[in-house]
Amino acid sequence: MKKILWLDWMVNKMLLSWKYIILWLVLGAFIAVSAGSLAGAYMGVLVGTSAATMPFLYGEKTNMNAWYVTLGISRKDVVRGRYISSLLFAVVTTLVGLVYGYLISVGADLLGFGNPELKMIDAKVSFFCALTAILFAILDFSITLPIYFGMGYQKGQYAAIIPYIIICIAGGVGMGFVGDKGLAVLGYIVTHLWWIMLVVSIIFVALYYVSYLVSAKLFARKEF
């Protein structure tokens, strides 16, 4: 499995260019100044989720899946390694984005065009933002990785949009169903926020494992 982790890292390192780095840095700085340092965590996780798709894209173009056999990497290890590397990308980029956003926000404040109220508030709020960003990544990977393993990147990138459309529709219907009780529900969530986050985290971790099992079965049947 170490081989697939190393290969995924090398693919991202190879495909990463200075123009993308500069683009993310500039965009991250703009978001940190305008929306606050904590927004850097969400910017970072977007970088992480994008990086996780690169091995699928590169692997499909170069038929890298066929190389895994010659390298002695089993299909199960490919799937397991891809799930671990994707999560690592998300965690690292989220934390880097959080720190980067804070530094940009502090620098902007020192230069006189920042907003002191948008700087990092406290450790709990920072942890909450990082946790929600990582949970978003787990949900995203749980949905998209089985699609990529089963259909490939080219076809899967379009099919992966469908679950999010369904989620948005379900969310809209749910908001309509809640109606006037929305404030009461929001108040309950705020009051029991950390317990709810704990339950959601457990559910998402379980979902991630189920997603891994599905991907392993799909990838085992795939012909190269």
Protein backbone atom coordinates (compact mmCIF):
# COMPACT_ATOMS: atom_id res chain seq x y z
CA MET A 1 0.00 0.00 0.00
CA LYS A 2 2.98 2.31 0.55
CA LYS A 3 3.66 2.10 -3.18
CA ILE A 4 0.23 3.44 -4.14
CA LEU A 5 0.53 6.27 -1.59
CA TRP A 6 3.90 7.19 -3.06
CA LEU A 7 2.56 6.98 -6.64
CA ASP A 8 -0.44 9.18 -5.83
CA TRP A 9 1.87 11.75 -4.27
CA MET A 10 4.22 11.66 -7.27
CA VAL A 11 1.29 12.08 -9.70
CA ASN A 12 0.10 15.21 -7.88
CA LYS A 13 3.64 16.53 -7.62
CA MET A 14 4.18 15.96 -11.34
CA LEU A 15 0.90 17.58 -12.41
CA LEU A 16 1.24 20.51 -10.03
CA SER A 17 2.47 23.62 -11.82
CA TRP A 18 3.37 27.08 -10.59
CA LYS A 19 0.37 28.65 -12.28
CA TYR A 20 -1.98 26.49 -10.19
CA ILE A 21 -0.04 27.22 -7.01
CA ILE A 22 -0.15 30.96 -7.68
CA LEU A 23 -3.85 30.76 -8.58
CA TRP A 24 -4.74 28.99 -5.32
CA LEU A 25 -2.56 31.35 -3.25
CA VAL A 26 -4.11 34.47 -4.77
CA LEU A 27 -7.64 33.10 -4.52
CA GLY A 28 -7.00 31.95 -0.96
CA ALA A 29 -5.65 35.37 0.01
CA PHE A 30 -8.69 37.11 -1.48
CA ILE A 31 -11.07 34.81 0.40
CA ALA A 32 -9.14 35.20 3.67
CA VAL A 33 -9.25 39.01 3.46
CA SER A 34 -12.89 39.23 2.36
CA ALA A 35 -14.47 36.32 4.24
CA GLY A 36 -12.09 35.80 7.17
CA SER A 37 -9.15 33.60 8.03
CA LEU A 38 -11.35 30.62 8.88
CA ALA A 39 -12.50 30.48 5.26
CA GLY A 40 -8.99 29.29 4.45
CA ALA A 41 -9.93 25.85 5.79
CA TYR A 42 -12.70 25.50 3.21
CA MET A 43 -10.46 26.80 0.46
CA GLY A 44 -7.85 24.27 1.51
CA VAL A 45 -10.23 21.33 1.43
CA LEU A 46 -11.26 22.25 -2.12
CA VAL A 47 -7.60 21.96 -3.09
CA GLY A 48 -7.46 18.58 -1.34
CA THR A 49 -10.54 17.16 -3.04
CA SER A 50 -9.24 18.36 -6.41
CA ALA A 51 -5.85 16.74 -5.76
CA ALA A 52 -7.53 13.44 -4.93
CA THR A 53 -8.97 13.18 -8.45
CA MET A 54 -5.63 13.67 -10.21
CA PRO A 55 -4.45 10.02 -9.89
CA PHE A 56 -7.70 8.89 -11.54
CA LEU A 57 -7.26 11.34 -14.41
CA TYR A 58 -3.60 10.50 -14.94
CA GLY A 59 -4.15 6.77 -14.45
CA GLU A 60 -6.83 6.69 -17.12
CA LYS A 61 -4.73 8.61 -19.64
CA THR A 62 -1.62 6.47 -19.13
CA ASN A 63 -3.31 3.14 -18.33
CA MET A 64 -1.50 3.20 -15.00
CA ASN A 65 -3.88 0.58 -13.60
CA ALA A 66 -2.12 -2.01 -15.75
CA TRP A 67 1.22 -0.99 -14.22
CA TYR A 68 0.07 -1.83 -10.72
CA VAL A 69 0.20 -5.55 -11.53
CA THR A 70 3.83 -5.32 -12.65
CA LEU A 71 4.66 -3.38 -9.48
CA GLY A 72 3.09 -6.10 -7.35
CA ILE A 73 0.25 -3.88 -6.11
CA SER A 74 -3.07 -5.68 -5.63
CA ARG A 75 -6.36 -4.08 -6.60
CA LYS A 76 -7.42 -4.06 -2.97
CA ASP A 77 -4.27 -2.14 -2.02
CA VAL A 78 -4.92 0.34 -4.85
CA VAL A 79 -8.38 1.11 -3.46
CA ARG A 80 -7.23 1.19 0.16
CA GLY A 81 -4.27 3.40 -0.68
CA ARG A 82 -6.41 5.77 -2.75
CA TYR A 83 -8.87 6.21 0.13
CA ILE A 84 -6.05 6.90 2.58
CA SER A 85 -4.19 9.28 0.26
CA SER A 86 -7.39 11.19 -0.57
CA LEU A 87 -8.14 11.71 3.12
CA LEU A 88 -4.54 12.72 3.81
CA PHE A 89 -4.67 15.29 1.00
CA ALA A 90 -7.87 16.74 2.47
CA VAL A 91 -6.58 16.91 6.06
CA VAL A 92 -3.22 18.45 5.14
CA THR A 93 -4.63 21.05 2.73
CA THR A 94 -7.35 21.99 5.22
CA LEU A 95 -4.82 22.65 7.99
CA VAL A 96 -2.48 24.48 5.61
CA GLY A 97 -5.40 26.57 4.34
CA LEU A 98 -6.40 27.43 7.90
CA VAL A 99 -2.89 28.61 8.81
CA TYR A 100 -2.44 30.41 5.48
CA GLY A 101 -5.77 32.21 5.90
CA TYR A 102 -4.79 33.36 9.38
CA LEU A 103 -1.39 34.67 8.23
CA ILE A 104 -2.96 36.53 5.30
CA SER A 105 -5.63 37.99 7.55
CA VAL A 106 -3.04 39.17 10.10
CA GLY A 107 -0.83 40.59 7.33
CA ALA A 108 -3.76 42.46 5.80
CA ASP A 109 -4.63 43.89 9.22
CA LEU A 110 -1.06 45.11 9.72
CA LEU A 111 -1.10 46.76 6.30
CA GLY A 112 -4.30 48.58 7.18
CA PHE A 113 -6.83 46.99 4.83
CA GLY A 114 -7.82 43.93 6.83
CA ASN A 115 -10.73 43.43 9.18
CA PRO A 116 -9.64 42.45 12.73
CA GLU A 117 -13.03 40.86 13.34
CA LEU A 118 -12.38 38.35 10.54
CA LYS A 119 -9.21 36.95 12.09
CA MET A 120 -9.21 33.56 13.80
CA ILE A 121 -11.58 33.73 16.79
CA ASP A 122 -10.47 30.88 19.07
CA ALA A 123 -9.31 27.29 19.05
CA LYS A 124 -12.82 25.83 19.26
CA VAL A 125 -14.08 27.76 16.26
CA SER A 126 -10.95 26.90 14.28
CA PHE A 127 -11.34 23.22 15.15
CA PHE A 128 -15.02 23.33 14.16
CA CYS A 129 -14.20 24.86 10.76
CA ALA A 130 -11.43 22.34 10.12
CA LEU A 131 -13.69 19.46 11.19
CA THR A 132 -16.59 20.53 8.97
CA ALA A 133 -14.21 20.96 6.03
CA ILE A 134 -12.78 17.46 6.53
CA LEU A 135 -16.28 15.99 6.94
CA PHE A 136 -17.23 17.60 3.65
CA ALA A 137 -14.22 15.90 2.06
CA ILE A 138 -15.22 12.53 3.55
CA LEU A 139 -18.74 12.93 2.16
CA ASP A 140 -17.38 13.98 -1.23
CA PHE A 141 -14.97 11.04 -1.40
CA SER A 142 -17.62 8.59 -0.20
CA ILE A 143 -19.76 9.59 -3.17
CA THR A 144 -17.21 10.16 -5.91
CA LEU A 145 -14.55 7.49 -5.33
CA PRO A 146 -16.85 4.50 -6.00
CA ILE A 147 -18.00 6.24 -9.18
CA TYR A 148 -14.42 6.81 -10.35
CA PHE A 149 -13.37 3.26 -9.51
CA GLY A 150 -16.40 1.83 -11.26
CA MET A 151 -16.74 4.09 -14.30
CA GLY A 152 -13.36 5.75 -14.68
CA TYR A 153 -12.64 9.47 -14.44
CA GLN A 154 -13.86 10.64 -17.85
CA LYS A 155 -17.35 9.19 -17.47
CA GLY A 156 -17.43 9.40 -13.70
CA GLN A 157 -16.85 13.15 -13.46
CA TYR A 158 -20.28 13.76 -14.97
CA ALA A 159 -22.05 10.98 -13.07
CA ALA A 160 -20.58 12.31 -9.80
CA ILE A 161 -22.65 15.49 -10.16
CA ILE A 162 -25.95 13.59 -9.96
CA PRO A 163 -25.76 12.72 -6.22
CA TYR A 164 -25.16 16.38 -5.38
CA ILE A 165 -28.17 17.43 -7.41
CA ILE A 166 -30.24 14.91 -5.44
CA ILE A 167 -28.80 16.21 -2.15
CA CYS A 168 -29.65 19.82 -3.09
CA ILE A 169 -33.21 18.86 -4.05
CA ALA A 170 -33.63 16.86 -0.85
CA GLY A 171 -32.25 19.78 1.15
CA GLY A 172 -34.70 22.19 -0.48
CA VAL A 173 -37.60 19.84 0.21
CA GLY A 174 -36.40 19.40 3.78
CA MET A 175 -36.20 23.15 4.35
CA GLY A 176 -39.72 23.53 2.98
CA PHE A 177 -40.93 20.76 5.28
CA VAL A 178 -39.35 22.41 8.33
CA GLY A 179 -40.97 25.75 7.45
CA ASP A 180 -41.64 27.93 10.48
CA LYS A 181 -39.83 25.48 12.74
CA GLY A 182 -36.53 26.43 11.12
CA LEU A 183 -35.43 28.77 13.93
CA ALA A 184 -36.29 26.19 16.57
CA VAL A 185 -34.32 23.52 14.71
CA LEU A 186 -31.38 25.90 14.30
CA GLY A 187 -31.49 26.73 18.00
CA TYR A 188 -31.42 23.04 18.88
CA ILE A 189 -28.44 22.46 16.59
CA VAL A 190 -26.50 25.35 18.12
CA THR A 191 -27.28 24.16 21.66
CA HIS A 192 -26.19 20.58 20.97
CA LEU A 193 -23.60 21.40 18.31
CA TRP A 194 -20.67 19.27 19.53
CA TRP A 195 -22.80 16.21 20.23
CA ILE A 196 -24.33 16.51 16.78
CA MET A 197 -20.86 16.88 15.24
CA LEU A 198 -19.73 13.74 17.09
CA VAL A 199 -22.67 11.72 15.77
CA VAL A 200 -22.21 13.10 12.25
CA SER A 201 -18.49 12.29 12.36
CA ILE A 202 -19.19 8.67 13.36
CA ILE A 203 -21.80 8.33 10.61
CA PHE A 204 -19.46 9.82 7.98
CA VAL A 205 -16.56 7.56 9.01
CA ALA A 206 -18.88 4.54 8.71
CA LEU A 207 -20.05 5.84 5.33
CA TYR A 208 -16.43 6.18 4.22
CA TYR A 209 -15.76 2.55 5.13
CA VAL A 210 -18.87 1.34 3.29
CA SER A 211 -17.79 3.43 0.30
CA TYR A 212 -14.39 1.73 0.41
CA LEU A 213 -16.01 -1.72 0.37
CA VAL A 214 -18.15 -0.74 -2.62
CA SER A 215 -15.13 0.66 -4.48
CA ALA A 216 -13.11 -2.49 -3.77
CA LYS A 217 -15.83 -4.66 -5.32
CA LEU A 218 -16.26 -2.40 -8.34
CA PHE A 219 -12.53 -2.16 -9.00
CA ALA A 220 -12.08 -5.93 -8.62
CA ARG A 221 -14.51 -6.50 -11.50
CA LYS A 222 -13.02 -3.85 -13.77
CA GLU A 223 -11.10 -4.92 -16.86
CA PHE A 224 -8.02 -3.00 -17.97
